[in-house]
Amino acid sequence: MSDYLLDDSPLSPGVIYRLLSGTVCPRPIAWVSTQNKQGNANLAPFSFFNVASVNPPVLAFSPLLNGSGELKDTVRNLKEVPECVVHVGSEGLIEALNTTSASLPPGEDEFALADLEKAEMPGVSVPRIANAPVAFGCKLFDMISFGDQPLAGTLVLAQVVSIHIDDSLWDGRHVDMDRLKPVGRLAGSDYIRISDRFAIERPA
């Protein structure tokens, strides 16, 4: 057994990243489209992602600074155009999702790189992925930076203003998980499916 009091026995950011990403899992994947003020679109996946609030509906995701301490295009774009579309990572588009994790020069369009068609998203100017089964159009609610060192995060709170969902997935009350087939991130290059799941009734 090992105990680490980080003030006394600091671990490197790389080691902490491996420990956190390998234990805080599986993590849902936010596949986020943004655009800069010139209208250039960006698309990137983030696995530090979850629901932060329901009323108002707010999603939270956190892009990390790269190894040189530089902001991701997603954060830079949100500072210019405070809107985004958050798609749920799913099996049907997993290869395209992985393609958009590539590091491209600013202004390069990951939609084109992954051969994904754009569609309008109500309530925001940022495009959504045309064939993604679920998408949330969001306005920036808040953005909190945790510093300027490599691997520091920027917590993005995105308020949902519109929802796109395939009618085959949603009956007005329940989402059909077997049709949505969301995927989660583990550590390294590993993903996980939801094909093996179980239910436990919550106590009254």
N, C-alpha and C. Protein backbone atom coordinates (compact mmCIF):
# COMPACT_ATOMS: atom_id res chain seq x y z
N MET A 1 0.85 -1.20 0.00
CA MET A 1 0.00 0.00 0.00
C MET A 1 0.89 1.25 0.00
N SER A 2 0.46 2.27 -0.74
CA SER A 2 1.23 3.51 -0.81
C SER A 2 0.34 4.69 -0.45
N ASP A 3 0.87 5.62 0.29
CA ASP A 3 0.20 6.88 0.61
C ASP A 3 1.08 8.02 0.15
N TYR A 4 0.46 9.03 -0.45
CA TYR A 4 1.21 10.19 -0.93
C TYR A 4 0.57 11.45 -0.36
N LEU A 5 1.28 12.14 0.51
CA LEU A 5 0.88 13.48 0.93
C LEU A 5 1.59 14.43 -0.02
N LEU A 6 0.83 15.02 -0.95
CA LEU A 6 1.46 15.68 -2.09
C LEU A 6 2.32 16.87 -1.71
N ASP A 7 2.02 17.51 -0.56
CA ASP A 7 2.89 18.61 -0.13
C ASP A 7 4.26 18.11 0.29
N ASP A 8 4.30 16.90 0.85
CA ASP A 8 5.57 16.35 1.34
C ASP A 8 6.27 15.46 0.31
N SER A 9 5.46 14.75 -0.48
CA SER A 9 6.01 13.83 -1.47
C SER A 9 5.37 14.12 -2.82
N PRO A 10 5.76 15.23 -3.46
CA PRO A 10 5.09 15.61 -4.71
C PRO A 10 5.31 14.59 -5.82
N LEU A 11 4.25 14.37 -6.58
CA LEU A 11 4.34 13.54 -7.77
C LEU A 11 4.33 14.47 -8.98
N SER A 12 4.96 14.06 -10.06
CA SER A 12 4.99 14.88 -11.26
C SER A 12 3.59 14.96 -11.86
N PRO A 13 3.28 16.03 -12.62
CA PRO A 13 1.97 16.11 -13.27
C PRO A 13 1.69 14.91 -14.16
N GLY A 14 2.71 14.38 -14.82
CA GLY A 14 2.50 13.22 -15.68
C GLY A 14 2.08 12.00 -14.90
N VAL A 15 2.70 11.79 -13.73
CA VAL A 15 2.33 10.65 -12.88
C VAL A 15 0.92 10.84 -12.33
N ILE A 16 0.59 12.06 -11.88
CA ILE A 16 -0.75 12.33 -11.36
C ILE A 16 -1.79 12.13 -12.45
N TYR A 17 -1.47 12.56 -13.68
CA TYR A 17 -2.41 12.34 -14.79
C TYR A 17 -2.68 10.85 -14.97
N ARG A 18 -1.63 10.05 -14.97
CA ARG A 18 -1.82 8.61 -15.16
C ARG A 18 -2.62 8.00 -14.02
N LEU A 19 -2.37 8.46 -12.79
CA LEU A 19 -3.09 7.93 -11.64
C LEU A 19 -4.57 8.33 -11.71
N LEU A 20 -4.85 9.61 -12.00
CA LEU A 20 -6.24 10.07 -12.05
C LEU A 20 -7.01 9.45 -13.22
N SER A 21 -6.40 9.43 -14.41
CA SER A 21 -7.11 8.91 -15.57
C SER A 21 -7.29 7.40 -15.49
N GLY A 22 -6.43 6.75 -14.71
CA GLY A 22 -6.54 5.31 -14.57
C GLY A 22 -7.46 4.85 -13.46
N THR A 23 -7.84 5.77 -12.56
CA THR A 23 -8.72 5.41 -11.46
C THR A 23 -10.09 6.07 -11.54
N VAL A 24 -10.15 7.30 -12.02
CA VAL A 24 -11.44 7.98 -12.17
C VAL A 24 -12.00 7.61 -13.53
N CYS A 25 -12.65 6.47 -13.58
CA CYS A 25 -13.11 5.93 -14.84
C CYS A 25 -14.19 4.86 -14.59
N PRO A 26 -15.00 4.52 -15.59
CA PRO A 26 -14.97 5.07 -16.94
C PRO A 26 -15.50 6.51 -16.96
N ARG A 27 -15.02 7.29 -17.91
CA ARG A 27 -15.43 8.68 -18.03
C ARG A 27 -16.19 8.88 -19.35
N PRO A 28 -17.36 9.55 -19.31
CA PRO A 28 -18.04 9.87 -20.57
C PRO A 28 -17.19 10.84 -21.39
N ILE A 29 -17.48 10.90 -22.66
CA ILE A 29 -16.69 11.73 -23.58
C ILE A 29 -17.54 12.85 -24.15
N ALA A 30 -17.10 14.07 -23.91
CA ALA A 30 -17.71 15.25 -24.55
C ALA A 30 -16.97 15.50 -25.86
N TRP A 31 -17.71 15.48 -26.95
CA TRP A 31 -17.12 15.75 -28.27
C TRP A 31 -17.58 17.15 -28.65
N VAL A 32 -16.70 18.13 -28.51
CA VAL A 32 -17.10 19.54 -28.47
C VAL A 32 -16.72 20.28 -29.75
N SER A 33 -17.71 20.91 -30.35
CA SER A 33 -17.43 21.79 -31.49
C SER A 33 -17.50 23.24 -31.03
N THR A 34 -16.56 24.02 -31.53
CA THR A 34 -16.50 25.46 -31.28
C THR A 34 -16.11 26.14 -32.58
N GLN A 35 -16.08 27.46 -32.57
CA GLN A 35 -15.55 28.17 -33.74
C GLN A 35 -14.95 29.49 -33.28
N ASN A 36 -13.97 29.98 -34.05
CA ASN A 36 -13.37 31.26 -33.72
C ASN A 36 -14.16 32.39 -34.38
N LYS A 37 -13.72 33.62 -34.16
CA LYS A 37 -14.49 34.76 -34.66
C LYS A 37 -14.44 34.87 -36.17
N GLN A 38 -13.49 34.16 -36.82
CA GLN A 38 -13.47 34.12 -38.28
C GLN A 38 -14.41 33.06 -38.84
N GLY A 39 -15.01 32.27 -37.97
CA GLY A 39 -15.94 31.24 -38.40
C GLY A 39 -15.31 29.90 -38.66
N ASN A 40 -14.02 29.73 -38.31
CA ASN A 40 -13.35 28.44 -38.48
C ASN A 40 -13.77 27.49 -37.36
N ALA A 41 -14.24 26.31 -37.73
CA ALA A 41 -14.74 25.35 -36.75
C ALA A 41 -13.63 24.49 -36.19
N ASN A 42 -13.83 24.04 -34.96
CA ASN A 42 -12.93 23.11 -34.29
C ASN A 42 -13.77 22.02 -33.66
N LEU A 43 -13.23 20.81 -33.59
CA LEU A 43 -13.95 19.67 -33.01
C LEU A 43 -12.94 18.83 -32.24
N ALA A 44 -13.21 18.58 -30.94
CA ALA A 44 -12.25 17.84 -30.12
C ALA A 44 -12.97 17.08 -29.01
N PRO A 45 -12.45 15.89 -28.66
CA PRO A 45 -13.04 15.11 -27.56
C PRO A 45 -12.35 15.39 -26.22
N PHE A 46 -13.15 15.37 -25.15
CA PHE A 46 -12.63 15.57 -23.80
C PHE A 46 -13.30 14.57 -22.86
N SER A 47 -12.49 13.83 -22.10
CA SER A 47 -13.07 12.83 -21.22
C SER A 47 -13.16 13.28 -19.77
N PHE A 48 -12.73 14.51 -19.46
CA PHE A 48 -13.01 15.08 -18.16
C PHE A 48 -14.33 15.84 -18.32
N PHE A 49 -15.46 15.13 -18.15
CA PHE A 49 -16.77 15.61 -18.60
C PHE A 49 -17.88 15.03 -17.75
N ASN A 50 -18.88 15.88 -17.44
CA ASN A 50 -20.08 15.38 -16.76
C ASN A 50 -21.16 16.46 -16.73
N VAL A 51 -22.31 16.11 -16.10
CA VAL A 51 -23.40 17.06 -15.88
C VAL A 51 -23.10 17.82 -14.60
N ALA A 52 -23.21 19.15 -14.62
CA ALA A 52 -22.95 19.96 -13.43
C ALA A 52 -24.24 20.45 -12.78
N SER A 53 -25.31 20.62 -13.58
CA SER A 53 -26.57 21.14 -13.05
C SER A 53 -27.69 20.75 -14.01
N VAL A 54 -28.90 20.61 -13.46
CA VAL A 54 -30.06 20.29 -14.28
C VAL A 54 -30.99 21.49 -14.43
N ASN A 55 -31.09 22.33 -13.42
CA ASN A 55 -31.96 23.49 -13.47
C ASN A 55 -31.22 24.70 -12.93
N PRO A 56 -30.49 25.45 -13.78
CA PRO A 56 -30.44 25.35 -15.24
C PRO A 56 -29.58 24.17 -15.69
N PRO A 57 -29.81 23.68 -16.92
CA PRO A 57 -28.99 22.57 -17.42
C PRO A 57 -27.59 23.07 -17.79
N VAL A 58 -26.59 22.52 -17.13
CA VAL A 58 -25.21 22.94 -17.35
C VAL A 58 -24.33 21.70 -17.46
N LEU A 59 -23.52 21.65 -18.49
CA LEU A 59 -22.53 20.59 -18.67
C LEU A 59 -21.16 21.13 -18.27
N ALA A 60 -20.30 20.25 -17.77
CA ALA A 60 -18.95 20.64 -17.37
C ALA A 60 -17.93 19.77 -18.08
N PHE A 61 -16.93 20.38 -18.69
CA PHE A 61 -15.81 19.63 -19.24
C PHE A 61 -14.54 20.45 -19.04
N SER A 62 -13.41 19.77 -19.06
CA SER A 62 -12.16 20.44 -18.72
C SER A 62 -11.04 20.08 -19.68
N PRO A 63 -10.77 20.93 -20.67
CA PRO A 63 -9.58 20.74 -21.50
C PRO A 63 -8.32 21.05 -20.69
N LEU A 64 -7.30 20.22 -20.85
CA LEU A 64 -6.03 20.46 -20.18
C LEU A 64 -5.08 21.23 -21.09
N LEU A 65 -4.23 22.06 -20.48
CA LEU A 65 -3.15 22.65 -21.24
C LEU A 65 -2.24 21.53 -21.75
N ASN A 66 -1.62 21.77 -22.89
CA ASN A 66 -0.74 20.74 -23.42
C ASN A 66 0.59 20.72 -22.67
N GLY A 67 1.51 19.88 -23.10
CA GLY A 67 2.79 19.73 -22.41
C GLY A 67 3.64 20.98 -22.38
N SER A 68 3.31 21.94 -23.25
CA SER A 68 4.03 23.22 -23.26
C SER A 68 3.28 24.32 -22.52
N GLY A 69 2.16 23.96 -21.89
CA GLY A 69 1.37 24.94 -21.16
C GLY A 69 0.51 25.81 -22.05
N GLU A 70 0.19 25.32 -23.26
CA GLU A 70 -0.61 26.11 -24.22
C GLU A 70 -2.08 25.67 -24.17
N LEU A 71 -2.96 26.65 -24.38
CA LEU A 71 -4.39 26.38 -24.40
C LEU A 71 -4.79 25.57 -25.62
N LYS A 72 -5.79 24.71 -25.46
CA LYS A 72 -6.40 24.02 -26.59
C LYS A 72 -7.22 25.03 -27.41
N ASP A 73 -7.39 24.74 -28.71
CA ASP A 73 -8.19 25.60 -29.58
C ASP A 73 -9.60 25.77 -29.03
N THR A 74 -10.14 24.74 -28.38
CA THR A 74 -11.50 24.82 -27.83
C THR A 74 -11.62 25.99 -26.87
N VAL A 75 -10.67 26.13 -25.97
CA VAL A 75 -10.73 27.21 -24.99
C VAL A 75 -10.50 28.56 -25.65
N ARG A 76 -9.54 28.62 -26.56
CA ARG A 76 -9.30 29.88 -27.28
C ARG A 76 -10.55 30.32 -28.03
N ASN A 77 -11.22 29.36 -28.68
CA ASN A 77 -12.42 29.69 -29.44
C ASN A 77 -13.54 30.16 -28.52
N LEU A 78 -13.70 29.52 -27.37
CA LEU A 78 -14.75 29.92 -26.43
C LEU A 78 -14.55 31.34 -25.92
N LYS A 79 -13.30 31.78 -25.86
CA LYS A 79 -13.03 33.16 -25.45
C LYS A 79 -13.45 34.14 -26.54
N GLU A 80 -13.43 33.69 -27.80
CA GLU A 80 -13.82 34.55 -28.92
C GLU A 80 -15.31 34.45 -29.22
N VAL A 81 -15.82 33.23 -29.24
CA VAL A 81 -17.25 32.98 -29.50
C VAL A 81 -17.73 32.07 -28.36
N PRO A 82 -18.44 32.63 -27.36
CA PRO A 82 -18.77 31.87 -26.15
C PRO A 82 -19.94 30.90 -26.33
N GLU A 83 -19.80 30.02 -27.31
CA GLU A 83 -20.81 29.01 -27.61
C GLU A 83 -20.11 27.71 -27.98
N CYS A 84 -20.81 26.60 -27.79
CA CYS A 84 -20.27 25.33 -28.23
C CYS A 84 -21.41 24.34 -28.43
N VAL A 85 -21.10 23.23 -29.08
CA VAL A 85 -22.04 22.11 -29.18
C VAL A 85 -21.33 20.90 -28.58
N VAL A 86 -21.97 20.26 -27.61
CA VAL A 86 -21.41 19.10 -26.95
C VAL A 86 -22.14 17.86 -27.44
N HIS A 87 -21.42 16.97 -28.10
CA HIS A 87 -21.96 15.70 -28.56
C HIS A 87 -21.52 14.60 -27.61
N VAL A 88 -22.30 13.54 -27.51
CA VAL A 88 -21.95 12.40 -26.67
C VAL A 88 -21.17 11.39 -27.52
N GLY A 89 -19.99 11.02 -27.05
CA GLY A 89 -19.20 10.03 -27.78
C GLY A 89 -19.91 8.69 -27.81
N SER A 90 -20.03 8.09 -29.01
CA SER A 90 -20.74 6.82 -29.15
C SER A 90 -20.00 5.90 -30.11
N GLU A 91 -20.33 4.62 -30.05
CA GLU A 91 -19.62 3.61 -30.85
C GLU A 91 -19.68 3.89 -32.34
N GLY A 92 -20.84 4.35 -32.82
CA GLY A 92 -21.02 4.52 -34.25
C GLY A 92 -20.07 5.52 -34.88
N LEU A 93 -19.54 6.46 -34.06
CA LEU A 93 -18.66 7.50 -34.60
C LEU A 93 -17.29 7.49 -33.90
N ILE A 94 -16.93 6.37 -33.29
CA ILE A 94 -15.72 6.35 -32.47
C ILE A 94 -14.45 6.57 -33.29
N GLU A 95 -14.39 6.07 -34.52
CA GLU A 95 -13.19 6.28 -35.32
C GLU A 95 -13.03 7.76 -35.67
N ALA A 96 -14.13 8.41 -36.01
CA ALA A 96 -14.07 9.84 -36.31
C ALA A 96 -13.71 10.63 -35.07
N LEU A 97 -14.27 10.24 -33.93
CA LEU A 97 -13.95 10.91 -32.67
C LEU A 97 -12.46 10.82 -32.40
N ASN A 98 -11.90 9.64 -32.55
CA ASN A 98 -10.47 9.46 -32.32
C ASN A 98 -9.65 10.30 -33.30
N THR A 99 -10.09 10.39 -34.54
CA THR A 99 -9.39 11.19 -35.53
C THR A 99 -9.31 12.65 -35.10
N THR A 100 -10.39 13.17 -34.50
CA THR A 100 -10.41 14.58 -34.12
C THR A 100 -9.61 14.87 -32.86
N SER A 101 -9.00 13.86 -32.26
CA SER A 101 -8.12 14.11 -31.12
C SER A 101 -6.71 14.50 -31.59
N ALA A 102 -6.49 14.48 -32.89
CA ALA A 102 -5.17 14.84 -33.42
C ALA A 102 -4.88 16.31 -33.15
N SER A 103 -3.61 16.63 -32.99
CA SER A 103 -3.18 18.02 -32.78
C SER A 103 -2.97 18.68 -34.13
N LEU A 104 -3.87 19.62 -34.45
CA LEU A 104 -3.77 20.35 -35.72
C LEU A 104 -3.40 21.80 -35.44
N PRO A 105 -2.84 22.49 -36.42
CA PRO A 105 -2.58 23.92 -36.25
C PRO A 105 -3.88 24.68 -36.03
N PRO A 106 -3.85 25.79 -35.29
CA PRO A 106 -5.06 26.60 -35.09
C PRO A 106 -5.70 26.98 -36.43
N GLY A 107 -7.03 26.90 -36.48
CA GLY A 107 -7.75 27.24 -37.69
C GLY A 107 -8.03 26.07 -38.59
N GLU A 108 -7.33 24.93 -38.39
CA GLU A 108 -7.60 23.73 -39.18
C GLU A 108 -8.92 23.12 -38.72
N ASP A 109 -9.68 22.57 -39.66
CA ASP A 109 -11.04 22.09 -39.39
C ASP A 109 -11.05 20.58 -39.21
N GLU A 110 -11.32 20.13 -37.96
CA GLU A 110 -11.38 18.69 -37.68
C GLU A 110 -12.60 18.03 -38.30
N PHE A 111 -13.65 18.79 -38.58
CA PHE A 111 -14.78 18.22 -39.32
C PHE A 111 -14.30 17.68 -40.66
N ALA A 112 -13.49 18.47 -41.35
CA ALA A 112 -12.97 18.05 -42.65
C ALA A 112 -11.99 16.89 -42.49
N LEU A 113 -11.15 16.96 -41.47
CA LEU A 113 -10.17 15.90 -41.24
C LEU A 113 -10.85 14.54 -41.06
N ALA A 114 -11.97 14.53 -40.31
CA ALA A 114 -12.68 13.28 -40.01
C ALA A 114 -13.81 13.00 -41.00
N ASP A 115 -13.93 13.84 -42.04
CA ASP A 115 -14.97 13.66 -43.06
C ASP A 115 -16.36 13.66 -42.44
N LEU A 116 -16.61 14.64 -41.58
CA LEU A 116 -17.89 14.79 -40.91
C LEU A 116 -18.66 15.98 -41.48
N GLU A 117 -19.94 15.77 -41.74
CA GLU A 117 -20.78 16.84 -42.27
C GLU A 117 -21.27 17.72 -41.13
N LYS A 118 -21.35 19.02 -41.40
CA LYS A 118 -21.87 19.97 -40.41
C LYS A 118 -23.36 20.20 -40.61
N ALA A 119 -24.03 20.52 -39.50
CA ALA A 119 -25.45 20.88 -39.56
C ALA A 119 -25.66 22.04 -38.58
N GLU A 120 -26.70 22.83 -38.83
CA GLU A 120 -27.00 23.94 -37.93
C GLU A 120 -27.54 23.41 -36.61
N MET A 121 -27.21 24.11 -35.53
CA MET A 121 -27.71 23.78 -34.21
C MET A 121 -28.54 24.96 -33.71
N PRO A 122 -29.82 24.73 -33.38
CA PRO A 122 -30.66 25.83 -32.91
C PRO A 122 -30.07 26.54 -31.70
N GLY A 123 -30.19 27.85 -31.67
CA GLY A 123 -29.79 28.63 -30.51
C GLY A 123 -28.35 29.05 -30.45
N VAL A 124 -27.50 28.47 -31.31
CA VAL A 124 -26.08 28.83 -31.33
C VAL A 124 -25.60 28.93 -32.76
N SER A 125 -24.48 29.61 -32.95
CA SER A 125 -23.92 29.77 -34.29
C SER A 125 -22.95 28.65 -34.64
N VAL A 126 -22.55 27.87 -33.66
CA VAL A 126 -21.57 26.79 -33.86
C VAL A 126 -22.27 25.58 -34.49
N PRO A 127 -21.65 24.93 -35.47
CA PRO A 127 -22.30 23.77 -36.10
C PRO A 127 -22.20 22.51 -35.22
N ARG A 128 -23.14 21.60 -35.45
CA ARG A 128 -23.08 20.28 -34.84
C ARG A 128 -22.67 19.26 -35.91
N ILE A 129 -22.34 18.05 -35.44
CA ILE A 129 -22.05 16.94 -36.34
C ILE A 129 -23.39 16.42 -36.87
N ALA A 130 -23.55 16.41 -38.19
CA ALA A 130 -24.86 16.13 -38.77
C ALA A 130 -25.41 14.76 -38.37
N ASN A 131 -24.58 13.74 -38.31
CA ASN A 131 -25.09 12.40 -38.03
C ASN A 131 -24.85 11.94 -36.60
N ALA A 132 -24.51 12.87 -35.69
CA ALA A 132 -24.39 12.51 -34.28
C ALA A 132 -25.79 12.36 -33.69
N PRO A 133 -26.06 11.29 -32.93
CA PRO A 133 -27.41 11.05 -32.43
C PRO A 133 -27.84 12.01 -31.34
N VAL A 134 -26.90 12.59 -30.60
CA VAL A 134 -27.23 13.50 -29.51
C VAL A 134 -26.28 14.70 -29.56
N ALA A 135 -26.84 15.89 -29.40
CA ALA A 135 -26.02 17.10 -29.35
C ALA A 135 -26.71 18.14 -28.48
N PHE A 136 -25.90 18.87 -27.73
CA PHE A 136 -26.41 19.92 -26.86
C PHE A 136 -25.80 21.25 -27.28
N GLY A 137 -26.66 22.18 -27.73
CA GLY A 137 -26.19 23.52 -28.04
C GLY A 137 -26.05 24.31 -26.75
N CYS A 138 -24.90 24.94 -26.55
CA CYS A 138 -24.60 25.55 -25.25
C CYS A 138 -24.06 26.97 -25.41
N LYS A 139 -24.39 27.79 -24.42
CA LYS A 139 -23.77 29.10 -24.24
C LYS A 139 -22.81 29.00 -23.06
N LEU A 140 -21.70 29.69 -23.15
CA LEU A 140 -20.72 29.65 -22.06
C LEU A 140 -21.31 30.27 -20.80
N PHE A 141 -21.34 29.50 -19.72
CA PHE A 141 -21.83 29.98 -18.43
C PHE A 141 -20.68 30.55 -17.61
N ASP A 142 -19.57 29.83 -17.60
CA ASP A 142 -18.39 30.30 -16.87
C ASP A 142 -17.19 29.47 -17.33
N MET A 143 -16.01 30.00 -17.08
CA MET A 143 -14.79 29.29 -17.43
C MET A 143 -13.75 29.61 -16.36
N ILE A 144 -13.19 28.57 -15.75
CA ILE A 144 -12.29 28.74 -14.62
C ILE A 144 -10.95 28.09 -14.96
N SER A 145 -9.90 28.87 -14.91
CA SER A 145 -8.55 28.35 -15.19
C SER A 145 -7.89 27.93 -13.88
N PHE A 146 -7.21 26.78 -13.90
CA PHE A 146 -6.50 26.31 -12.73
C PHE A 146 -4.99 26.57 -12.83
N GLY A 147 -4.61 27.47 -13.70
CA GLY A 147 -3.20 27.85 -13.77
C GLY A 147 -2.67 27.76 -15.19
N ASP A 148 -1.38 28.06 -15.33
CA ASP A 148 -0.77 28.11 -16.66
C ASP A 148 0.35 27.09 -16.82
N GLN A 149 0.41 26.10 -15.91
CA GLN A 149 1.42 25.06 -16.01
C GLN A 149 0.92 23.92 -16.91
N PRO A 150 1.83 23.17 -17.53
CA PRO A 150 1.41 22.03 -18.35
C PRO A 150 0.46 21.10 -17.60
N LEU A 151 -0.60 20.68 -18.27
CA LEU A 151 -1.63 19.78 -17.77
C LEU A 151 -2.58 20.43 -16.77
N ALA A 152 -2.47 21.74 -16.55
CA ALA A 152 -3.50 22.43 -15.77
C ALA A 152 -4.79 22.45 -16.58
N GLY A 153 -5.90 22.40 -15.90
CA GLY A 153 -7.19 22.35 -16.59
C GLY A 153 -7.85 23.71 -16.67
N THR A 154 -8.79 23.82 -17.60
CA THR A 154 -9.71 24.96 -17.66
C THR A 154 -11.11 24.38 -17.57
N LEU A 155 -11.80 24.62 -16.47
CA LEU A 155 -13.14 24.09 -16.28
C LEU A 155 -14.13 24.94 -17.06
N VAL A 156 -14.79 24.33 -18.03
CA VAL A 156 -15.79 25.01 -18.84
C VAL A 156 -17.17 24.59 -18.36
N LEU A 157 -17.99 25.57 -17.98
CA LEU A 157 -19.38 25.34 -17.63
C LEU A 157 -20.23 25.87 -18.77
N ALA A 158 -20.93 24.97 -19.43
CA ALA A 158 -21.67 25.30 -20.66
C ALA A 158 -23.15 25.08 -20.42
N GLN A 159 -23.93 26.16 -20.51
CA GLN A 159 -25.37 26.05 -20.26
C GLN A 159 -26.10 25.61 -21.53
N VAL A 160 -26.89 24.54 -21.39
CA VAL A 160 -27.60 23.98 -22.54
C VAL A 160 -28.78 24.88 -22.91
N VAL A 161 -28.81 25.29 -24.18
CA VAL A 161 -29.92 26.12 -24.67
C VAL A 161 -30.74 25.40 -25.73
N SER A 162 -30.22 24.29 -26.27
CA SER A 162 -30.97 23.51 -27.26
C SER A 162 -30.47 22.07 -27.24
N ILE A 163 -31.34 21.17 -27.65
CA ILE A 163 -31.01 19.74 -27.65
C ILE A 163 -31.43 19.13 -28.98
N HIS A 164 -30.52 18.37 -29.58
CA HIS A 164 -30.84 17.55 -30.75
C HIS A 164 -30.71 16.10 -30.33
N ILE A 165 -31.76 15.29 -30.57
CA ILE A 165 -31.67 13.86 -30.24
C ILE A 165 -32.47 13.06 -31.25
N ASP A 166 -31.89 11.96 -31.68
CA ASP A 166 -32.54 11.07 -32.63
C ASP A 166 -33.80 10.48 -32.00
N ASP A 167 -34.92 10.57 -32.72
CA ASP A 167 -36.19 10.09 -32.17
C ASP A 167 -36.16 8.60 -31.84
N SER A 168 -35.28 7.84 -32.49
CA SER A 168 -35.21 6.41 -32.20
C SER A 168 -34.57 6.13 -30.84
N LEU A 169 -33.92 7.14 -30.25
CA LEU A 169 -33.25 6.97 -28.96
C LEU A 169 -34.11 7.38 -27.78
N TRP A 170 -35.12 8.20 -28.02
CA TRP A 170 -35.78 8.93 -26.93
C TRP A 170 -37.29 8.83 -27.06
N ASP A 171 -37.94 8.30 -26.01
CA ASP A 171 -39.40 8.16 -26.03
C ASP A 171 -40.10 9.24 -25.23
N GLY A 172 -39.36 10.28 -24.85
CA GLY A 172 -39.92 11.35 -24.04
C GLY A 172 -39.66 11.15 -22.56
N ARG A 173 -39.19 9.98 -22.18
CA ARG A 173 -38.89 9.69 -20.78
C ARG A 173 -37.57 8.95 -20.61
N HIS A 174 -37.26 8.03 -21.52
CA HIS A 174 -36.06 7.21 -21.38
C HIS A 174 -35.22 7.28 -22.66
N VAL A 175 -33.90 7.22 -22.47
CA VAL A 175 -32.96 7.10 -23.58
C VAL A 175 -32.64 5.62 -23.76
N ASP A 176 -32.70 5.16 -25.00
CA ASP A 176 -32.40 3.77 -25.32
C ASP A 176 -30.88 3.60 -25.41
N MET A 177 -30.29 3.07 -24.35
CA MET A 177 -28.84 2.91 -24.29
C MET A 177 -28.31 1.95 -25.36
N ASP A 178 -29.13 0.95 -25.72
CA ASP A 178 -28.67 -0.02 -26.71
C ASP A 178 -28.59 0.59 -28.10
N ARG A 179 -29.33 1.66 -28.33
CA ARG A 179 -29.24 2.37 -29.61
C ARG A 179 -28.18 3.47 -29.56
N LEU A 180 -28.10 4.17 -28.45
CA LEU A 180 -27.11 5.24 -28.32
C LEU A 180 -25.69 4.67 -28.30
N LYS A 181 -25.48 3.60 -27.56
CA LYS A 181 -24.17 2.95 -27.44
C LYS A 181 -23.07 3.96 -27.08
N PRO A 182 -23.23 4.66 -25.96
CA PRO A 182 -22.16 5.58 -25.55
C PRO A 182 -20.91 4.81 -25.18
N VAL A 183 -19.77 5.45 -25.33
CA VAL A 183 -18.51 4.85 -24.94
C VAL A 183 -17.85 5.71 -23.87
N GLY A 184 -17.01 5.08 -23.06
CA GLY A 184 -16.28 5.79 -22.02
C GLY A 184 -14.79 5.63 -22.20
N ARG A 185 -14.05 6.54 -21.57
CA ARG A 185 -12.59 6.49 -21.63
C ARG A 185 -12.05 5.85 -20.38
N LEU A 186 -11.02 5.06 -20.56
CA LEU A 186 -10.23 4.53 -19.47
C LEU A 186 -8.88 5.24 -19.52
N ALA A 187 -7.81 4.53 -19.30
CA ALA A 187 -6.48 5.15 -19.37
C ALA A 187 -5.81 4.79 -20.70
N GLY A 188 -4.79 5.55 -21.05
CA GLY A 188 -4.04 5.26 -22.27
C GLY A 188 -4.91 5.32 -23.50
N SER A 189 -4.87 4.26 -24.30
CA SER A 189 -5.67 4.20 -25.53
C SER A 189 -6.96 3.40 -25.34
N ASP A 190 -7.31 3.08 -24.11
CA ASP A 190 -8.44 2.19 -23.84
C ASP A 190 -9.78 2.93 -23.72
N TYR A 191 -10.79 2.35 -24.33
CA TYR A 191 -12.18 2.79 -24.23
C TYR A 191 -13.00 1.64 -23.64
N ILE A 192 -14.25 1.94 -23.26
CA ILE A 192 -15.12 0.90 -22.74
C ILE A 192 -16.52 1.08 -23.30
N ARG A 193 -17.17 -0.06 -23.60
CA ARG A 193 -18.57 -0.06 -24.04
C ARG A 193 -19.47 -0.26 -22.83
N ILE A 194 -20.78 -0.09 -23.03
CA ILE A 194 -21.74 -0.30 -21.93
C ILE A 194 -22.50 -1.61 -22.12
N SER A 195 -21.97 -2.53 -22.91
CA SER A 195 -22.70 -3.75 -23.22
C SER A 195 -22.84 -4.67 -22.01
N ASP A 196 -22.01 -4.49 -20.99
CA ASP A 196 -22.13 -5.29 -19.77
C ASP A 196 -22.48 -4.35 -18.62
N ARG A 197 -23.77 -4.30 -18.28
CA ARG A 197 -24.18 -3.40 -17.21
C ARG A 197 -25.18 -4.11 -16.29
N PHE A 198 -25.36 -3.55 -15.10
CA PHE A 198 -26.27 -4.16 -14.13
C PHE A 198 -27.02 -3.05 -13.41
N ALA A 199 -28.11 -3.41 -12.75
CA ALA A 199 -28.95 -2.44 -12.05
C ALA A 199 -29.07 -2.83 -10.58
N ILE A 200 -29.07 -1.83 -9.73
CA ILE A 200 -29.31 -2.01 -8.30
C ILE A 200 -30.32 -0.94 -7.88
N GLU A 201 -31.41 -1.34 -7.25
CA GLU A 201 -32.42 -0.38 -6.81
C GLU A 201 -31.87 0.48 -5.68
N ARG A 202 -32.09 1.78 -5.78
CA ARG A 202 -31.66 2.69 -4.72
C ARG A 202 -32.55 2.52 -3.49
N PRO A 203 -31.98 2.71 -2.29
CA PRO A 203 -32.81 2.61 -1.10
C PRO A 203 -33.82 3.76 -1.03
N ALA A 204 -34.95 3.48 -0.38
CA ALA A 204 -36.02 4.50 -0.28
C ALA A 204 -35.56 5.66 0.59
